[in-house]
Amino acid sequence: MKSIYHKICLTAIFAGGLTLFSCQKEHLASDSVIDRYYPKVSATELDRWAIDSFKPYNIQTLYRWQKEHFPSGSFGIPPKTEQVKPVLEAFKMLLLDLYTLEKAGGKDFFRDKGLIRITLLGGFEMQENKVLMRLWYPQTASNEMFAFDVNTFDPSDKKSVYRLMRSLHHQFARRLIEHIPYNRDAFLLINPKAYGVLPLAPSPADVYRRVGLSPYAHRRGFYTLYSMASPEDEFAEIISTLLLHTAVELKEAEDTAARPIYPDQPESVQEAREAYRVLREKRAFVERYFRQDVGISLSRLQLLSLKQLNAYYKLHKTK
């Protein structure tokens, strides 16, 4: 019995020795598997500037190509390095600095809003229905934003600045209503049967008209075409539109809504009345949400936004 016990012990010791010997022979690779797939890149001057500029706002900026940062099925185009800083500067001055003004949300406005990650895309993408995604990426996380067409951005061109900021203001507004929910049911009651597929498919050559104020939309009780997609889209569109248009431009849009296409036809007159009513009611609803829930006067924010825009235009000699 002792002989059997000694044999078992010797076998166990021998096996343990082999295991230990084999572990000593097989050294771990010096580089990790993670580093092979996501190689570390030395911080550049641009990286340091981005961190220093956006960390106070709780904003993370991403501009190097990493597929996992984009929604499934996307074909994101990396931005040119020289285009990154001009786009981020516009984002900072025209949105972040705007909301943190003392007369707006104050310096701590973003502190309790959670981390926001903004990813820069060099080009644009088309959705499955061929609608150009200039304003947002559908079905993204609540803390994500995207800057589209970075490679064509020109701070000296008003249309280029407008396209960028219409998109960023829209996306931030969507993040805002997720963080501070609005009364969706009450908003939907104003015009319950209005939403559906976008009526036109924006093309790259015609995108400015598509993202701008649209008479087609005004006559149906909306400021823009994108507003017609869903209540959330319209809520964000009203905010984005108000922050980038003057009171005169908005009044012209509302006057268009109130003007019947065929003044001699009662049905056309009634449609115009209804379009004007819902447009004004929805605007008032959004202004009330900002005042009561966000704690900012949207009309004051609009004036501050236009002032920031004019300062930006002067700085960059924008035409």
Protein backbone atom coordinates (compact mmCIF):
# COMPACT_ATOMS: atom_id res chain seq x y z
CA MET A 1 0.00 0.00 0.00
CA LYS A 2 2.92 2.34 0.88
CA SER A 3 4.53 1.49 -2.46
CA ILE A 4 1.41 2.56 -4.34
CA TYR A 5 1.23 5.79 -2.30
CA HIS A 6 4.89 6.62 -3.05
CA LYS A 7 4.33 6.00 -6.76
CA ILE A 8 1.34 8.36 -6.82
CA CYS A 9 3.30 11.08 -5.00
CA LEU A 10 6.29 10.75 -7.31
CA THR A 11 4.04 10.88 -10.36
CA ALA A 12 2.32 14.03 -9.07
CA ILE A 13 5.65 15.70 -8.28
CA PHE A 14 7.02 14.74 -11.70
CA ALA A 15 3.93 16.09 -13.46
CA GLY A 16 4.07 19.30 -11.44
CA GLY A 17 7.72 19.69 -12.32
CA LEU A 18 6.96 19.31 -16.02
CA THR A 19 4.19 21.88 -15.76
CA LEU A 20 6.46 24.33 -13.98
CA PHE A 21 9.23 23.70 -16.50
CA SER A 22 6.89 24.24 -19.45
CA CYS A 23 5.57 27.49 -17.91
CA GLN A 24 9.12 28.76 -17.53
CA LYS A 25 9.90 27.93 -21.16
CA GLU A 26 6.75 29.57 -22.63
CA HIS A 27 7.20 33.28 -21.96
CA LEU A 28 4.27 35.66 -22.48
CA ALA A 29 4.42 37.82 -25.59
CA SER A 30 5.78 41.29 -24.89
CA ASP A 31 2.82 42.97 -26.65
CA SER A 32 -0.80 42.40 -25.66
CA VAL A 33 -3.53 41.18 -27.95
CA ILE A 34 -5.39 44.45 -27.37
CA ASP A 35 -2.38 46.47 -28.54
CA ARG A 36 -2.19 44.45 -31.75
CA TYR A 37 -5.73 45.42 -32.69
CA TYR A 38 -5.69 48.90 -31.17
CA PRO A 39 -2.07 50.09 -31.41
CA LYS A 40 -1.12 52.93 -29.11
CA VAL A 41 -0.46 56.22 -30.85
CA SER A 42 1.77 58.85 -29.33
CA ALA A 43 -0.14 61.95 -28.31
CA THR A 44 0.24 64.79 -30.77
CA GLU A 45 -0.07 68.53 -30.26
CA LEU A 46 -3.60 68.26 -31.70
CA ASP A 47 -4.47 65.54 -29.17
CA ARG A 48 -3.25 67.64 -26.27
CA TRP A 49 -5.13 70.69 -27.55
CA ALA A 50 -8.36 68.67 -27.90
CA ILE A 51 -8.07 67.23 -24.39
CA ASP A 52 -7.30 70.61 -22.81
CA SER A 53 -10.07 72.36 -24.77
CA PHE A 54 -12.92 69.89 -24.25
CA LYS A 55 -12.28 68.18 -20.93
CA PRO A 56 -13.88 71.09 -19.00
CA TYR A 57 -17.11 70.44 -20.95
CA ASN A 58 -17.05 66.69 -20.29
CA ILE A 59 -16.57 66.10 -24.03
CA GLN A 60 -14.47 63.35 -25.60
CA THR A 61 -13.30 63.94 -29.18
CA LEU A 62 -12.55 61.10 -31.62
CA TYR A 63 -11.02 61.74 -35.02
CA ARG A 64 -8.77 58.73 -35.68
CA TRP A 65 -10.37 55.91 -37.64
CA GLN A 66 -11.67 53.12 -35.39
CA LYS A 67 -14.49 51.05 -36.84
CA GLU A 68 -16.00 50.19 -33.45
CA HIS A 69 -16.88 53.87 -32.93
CA PHE A 70 -19.41 53.79 -35.76
CA PRO A 71 -22.85 52.19 -36.03
CA SER A 72 -23.07 48.77 -37.66
CA GLY A 73 -23.18 48.97 -41.46
CA SER A 74 -21.71 52.47 -41.66
CA PHE A 75 -18.97 53.54 -44.04
CA GLY A 76 -17.36 56.39 -42.17
CA ILE A 77 -14.61 58.34 -43.95
CA PRO A 78 -11.66 59.43 -41.77
CA PRO A 79 -11.19 63.20 -41.48
CA LYS A 80 -8.12 65.00 -42.76
CA THR A 81 -5.92 65.97 -39.84
CA GLU A 82 -5.75 69.62 -40.87
CA GLN A 83 -9.57 69.80 -40.84
CA VAL A 84 -10.03 68.51 -37.30
CA LYS A 85 -9.15 71.65 -35.36
CA PRO A 86 -11.29 74.09 -37.44
CA VAL A 87 -14.37 71.88 -36.98
CA LEU A 88 -13.79 71.42 -33.26
CA GLU A 89 -13.20 75.15 -32.83
CA ALA A 90 -16.57 75.87 -34.47
CA PHE A 91 -18.25 73.25 -32.27
CA LYS A 92 -16.71 74.77 -29.16
CA MET A 93 -17.45 78.42 -29.92
CA LEU A 94 -20.91 78.03 -31.46
CA LEU A 95 -22.38 75.34 -29.20
CA LEU A 96 -20.37 74.60 -26.06
CA ASP A 97 -19.42 78.20 -25.29
CA LEU A 98 -22.98 79.26 -26.14
CA TYR A 99 -24.67 76.99 -23.59
CA THR A 100 -22.14 77.85 -20.88
CA LEU A 101 -22.53 81.62 -21.16
CA GLU A 102 -23.55 83.24 -17.87
CA LYS A 103 -26.83 84.43 -19.46
CA ALA A 104 -27.56 80.90 -20.73
CA GLY A 105 -26.80 77.69 -18.82
CA GLY A 106 -23.74 78.88 -16.91
CA LYS A 107 -20.21 77.47 -16.76
CA ASP A 108 -21.34 74.16 -15.19
CA PHE A 109 -24.11 73.44 -17.70
CA PHE A 110 -22.46 70.29 -19.10
CA ARG A 111 -21.17 68.99 -15.77
CA ASP A 112 -24.27 66.93 -14.94
CA LYS A 113 -25.16 65.96 -18.52
CA GLY A 114 -22.84 62.94 -18.65
CA LEU A 115 -19.88 62.38 -20.96
CA ILE A 116 -20.58 63.24 -24.59
CA ARG A 117 -18.43 61.71 -27.31
CA ILE A 118 -18.16 63.51 -30.65
CA THR A 119 -16.73 61.58 -33.59
CA LEU A 120 -15.51 63.39 -36.69
CA LEU A 121 -16.32 61.96 -40.13
CA GLY A 122 -14.50 63.11 -43.25
CA GLY A 123 -17.49 62.65 -45.55
CA PHE A 124 -21.19 61.87 -45.51
CA GLU A 125 -23.32 58.74 -45.72
CA MET A 126 -26.59 57.70 -47.26
CA GLN A 127 -29.22 55.76 -45.38
CA GLU A 128 -30.90 52.72 -46.90
CA ASN A 129 -33.69 54.91 -48.28
CA LYS A 130 -31.03 57.11 -49.94
CA VAL A 131 -31.61 60.00 -47.55
CA LEU A 132 -28.39 61.81 -46.83
CA MET A 133 -27.41 61.60 -43.17
CA ARG A 134 -26.30 65.16 -42.54
CA LEU A 135 -28.01 65.85 -39.25
CA TRP A 136 -27.68 62.68 -37.21
CA TYR A 137 -26.92 58.97 -37.09
CA PRO A 138 -30.15 57.10 -36.26
CA GLN A 139 -30.03 54.55 -33.44
CA THR A 140 -26.86 55.72 -31.73
CA ALA A 141 -26.11 55.87 -28.02
CA SER A 142 -27.52 58.80 -26.08
CA ASN A 143 -24.04 60.21 -25.44
CA GLU A 144 -22.83 60.17 -29.07
CA MET A 145 -22.57 62.98 -31.59
CA PHE A 146 -21.06 63.06 -35.07
CA ALA A 147 -19.58 65.87 -37.17
CA PHE A 148 -20.18 65.09 -40.85
CA ASP A 149 -18.30 66.33 -43.95
CA VAL A 150 -15.29 67.46 -41.96
CA ASN A 151 -13.07 67.31 -45.05
CA THR A 152 -15.13 69.93 -46.88
CA PHE A 153 -15.71 72.28 -43.94
CA ASP A 154 -14.71 75.87 -44.65
CA PRO A 155 -14.93 78.38 -41.77
CA SER A 156 -14.93 81.24 -44.27
CA ASP A 157 -18.12 80.00 -45.98
CA LYS A 158 -21.45 80.70 -44.24
CA LYS A 159 -23.23 77.76 -45.86
CA SER A 160 -20.51 75.39 -44.66
CA VAL A 161 -20.74 76.74 -41.10
CA TYR A 162 -24.54 76.56 -41.24
CA ARG A 163 -24.56 72.90 -42.37
CA LEU A 164 -22.16 71.87 -39.62
CA MET A 165 -23.95 73.71 -36.84
CA ARG A 166 -27.46 72.72 -37.94
CA SER A 167 -26.35 69.13 -37.54
CA LEU A 168 -24.55 69.62 -34.22
CA HIS A 169 -27.34 71.68 -32.67
CA HIS A 170 -29.87 69.06 -33.80
CA GLN A 171 -27.84 66.21 -32.31
CA PHE A 172 -27.23 68.00 -29.03
CA ALA A 173 -30.93 68.83 -28.78
CA ARG A 174 -31.72 65.12 -29.13
CA ARG A 175 -29.20 64.32 -26.39
CA LEU A 176 -30.80 67.03 -24.25
CA ILE A 177 -34.37 65.69 -24.51
CA GLU A 178 -33.09 62.23 -23.60
CA HIS A 179 -31.37 63.61 -20.51
CA ILE A 180 -34.23 65.97 -19.65
CA PRO A 181 -37.36 64.28 -21.10
CA TYR A 182 -40.12 66.34 -22.67
CA ASN A 183 -43.84 65.53 -22.62
CA ARG A 184 -43.95 63.59 -25.88
CA ASP A 185 -47.66 62.78 -25.69
CA ALA A 186 -48.63 66.42 -25.22
CA PHE A 187 -46.35 67.51 -28.06
CA LEU A 188 -47.74 64.81 -30.34
CA LEU A 189 -51.31 65.96 -29.69
CA ILE A 190 -50.63 69.28 -31.43
CA ASN A 191 -50.35 67.56 -34.82
CA PRO A 192 -50.72 63.78 -34.31
CA LYS A 193 -50.95 62.57 -37.93
CA ALA A 194 -48.16 64.66 -39.38
CA TYR A 195 -45.11 62.41 -39.18
CA GLY A 196 -43.78 59.82 -41.57
CA VAL A 197 -41.17 59.27 -44.26
CA LEU A 198 -39.22 62.33 -45.38
CA PRO A 199 -40.83 63.65 -48.57
CA LEU A 200 -37.59 64.20 -50.48
CA ALA A 201 -34.25 62.42 -50.58
CA PRO A 202 -31.51 65.02 -50.03
CA SER A 203 -28.61 64.73 -52.46
CA PRO A 204 -25.08 65.98 -51.75
CA ALA A 205 -25.45 68.70 -54.39
CA ASP A 206 -28.71 70.00 -52.92
CA VAL A 207 -28.18 69.49 -49.21
CA TYR A 208 -28.24 73.17 -48.19
CA ARG A 209 -31.82 73.62 -49.41
CA ARG A 210 -32.80 70.37 -47.72
CA VAL A 211 -31.45 71.24 -44.26
CA GLY A 212 -32.53 74.88 -44.43
CA LEU A 213 -35.98 76.39 -43.99
CA SER A 214 -38.41 74.82 -46.46
CA PRO A 215 -41.63 76.41 -47.83
CA TYR A 216 -42.86 72.88 -48.57
CA ALA A 217 -42.53 72.10 -44.86
CA HIS A 218 -43.97 75.46 -43.73
CA ARG A 219 -47.22 74.81 -45.59
CA ARG A 220 -47.59 71.58 -43.64
CA GLY A 221 -46.86 73.07 -40.23
CA PHE A 222 -43.09 72.49 -40.01
CA TYR A 223 -39.97 74.62 -40.26
CA THR A 224 -37.83 72.04 -42.08
CA LEU A 225 -38.17 68.83 -44.05
CA TYR A 226 -36.34 66.80 -41.40
CA SER A 227 -38.95 67.89 -38.86
CA MET A 228 -41.48 65.69 -40.63
CA ALA A 229 -39.72 62.43 -39.71
CA SER A 230 -40.81 62.06 -36.05
CA PRO A 231 -41.75 64.07 -32.92
CA GLU A 232 -38.17 63.75 -31.61
CA ASP A 233 -36.73 64.96 -34.89
CA GLU A 234 -39.09 67.91 -34.98
CA PHE A 235 -38.39 68.86 -31.37
CA ALA A 236 -34.65 68.89 -32.11
CA GLU A 237 -35.20 70.66 -35.41
CA ILE A 238 -37.14 73.50 -33.81
CA ILE A 239 -34.28 74.06 -31.37
CA SER A 240 -31.61 73.85 -34.07
CA THR A 241 -33.56 76.11 -36.42
CA LEU A 242 -34.28 78.78 -33.83
CA LEU A 243 -30.62 78.97 -32.81
CA LEU A 244 -29.40 79.59 -36.37
CA HIS A 245 -32.09 81.85 -37.83
CA THR A 246 -33.13 85.42 -37.14
CA ALA A 247 -36.56 86.44 -35.92
CA VAL A 248 -37.23 87.92 -39.37
CA GLU A 249 -36.43 84.63 -41.12
CA LEU A 250 -38.65 82.67 -38.74
CA LYS A 251 -41.52 85.12 -39.21
CA GLU A 252 -41.21 84.70 -42.98
CA ALA A 253 -41.50 80.93 -42.51
CA GLU A 254 -44.61 81.35 -40.35
CA ASP A 255 -46.11 83.84 -42.83
CA THR A 256 -45.60 81.26 -45.58
CA ALA A 257 -47.47 78.71 -43.48
CA ALA A 258 -50.36 81.16 -42.98
CA ARG A 259 -50.60 82.04 -46.67
CA PRO A 260 -52.98 79.72 -48.60
CA ILE A 261 -51.72 78.36 -51.90
CA TYR A 262 -55.17 78.95 -53.42
CA PRO A 263 -56.77 81.91 -51.59
CA ASP A 264 -60.08 81.46 -53.38
CA GLN A 265 -60.51 77.87 -52.17
CA PRO A 266 -61.92 77.40 -48.63
CA GLU A 267 -60.06 74.11 -48.17
CA SER A 268 -56.72 75.75 -48.98
CA VAL A 269 -57.49 78.62 -46.62
CA GLN A 270 -58.28 76.17 -43.81
CA GLU A 271 -55.08 74.19 -44.45
CA ALA A 272 -53.05 77.39 -44.16
CA ARG A 273 -54.73 78.32 -40.89
CA GLU A 274 -54.01 74.88 -39.49
CA ALA A 275 -50.38 74.93 -40.66
CA TYR A 276 -49.81 78.30 -38.98
CA ARG A 277 -51.54 77.17 -35.79
CA VAL A 278 -49.53 73.99 -35.31
CA LEU A 279 -46.26 75.70 -36.24
CA ARG A 280 -46.75 78.39 -33.63
CA GLU A 281 -48.03 75.98 -30.97
CA LYS A 282 -45.09 73.62 -31.41
CA ARG A 283 -42.62 76.47 -31.19
CA ALA A 284 -44.31 77.73 -28.00
CA PHE A 285 -44.19 74.18 -26.57
CA VAL A 286 -40.43 73.92 -27.15
CA GLU A 287 -39.84 77.40 -25.71
CA ARG A 288 -41.83 76.42 -22.60
CA TYR A 289 -39.79 73.20 -22.22
CA PHE A 290 -36.55 75.17 -22.34
CA ARG A 291 -37.77 77.73 -19.83
CA GLN A 292 -39.34 75.32 -17.33
CA ASP A 293 -37.25 72.14 -17.67
CA VAL A 294 -33.85 73.21 -18.98
CA GLY A 295 -33.87 76.52 -17.13
CA ILE A 296 -32.88 78.66 -20.12
CA SER A 297 -34.90 81.18 -22.11
CA LEU A 298 -34.78 79.86 -25.68
CA SER A 299 -35.45 83.31 -27.14
CA ARG A 300 -32.49 84.67 -25.17
CA LEU A 301 -30.36 81.71 -26.24
CA GLN A 302 -31.32 82.47 -29.84
CA LEU A 303 -30.04 86.05 -29.54
CA LEU A 304 -26.84 84.84 -27.87
CA SER A 305 -26.37 82.23 -30.60
CA LEU A 306 -26.71 84.81 -33.38
CA LYS A 307 -24.23 87.04 -31.54
CA GLN A 308 -21.76 84.12 -31.32
CA LEU A 309 -22.26 83.44 -35.03
CA ASN A 310 -21.52 87.04 -35.97
CA ALA A 311 -18.38 86.99 -33.81
CA TYR A 312 -17.30 83.74 -35.49
CA TYR A 313 -17.94 85.20 -38.96
CA LYS A 314 -15.83 88.27 -38.16
CA LEU A 315 -13.04 86.12 -36.75
CA HIS A 316 -12.87 83.98 -39.88
CA LYS A 317 -13.93 86.67 -42.39
CA THR A 318 -16.83 84.42 -43.32
CA LYS A 319 -18.85 85.28 -46.43
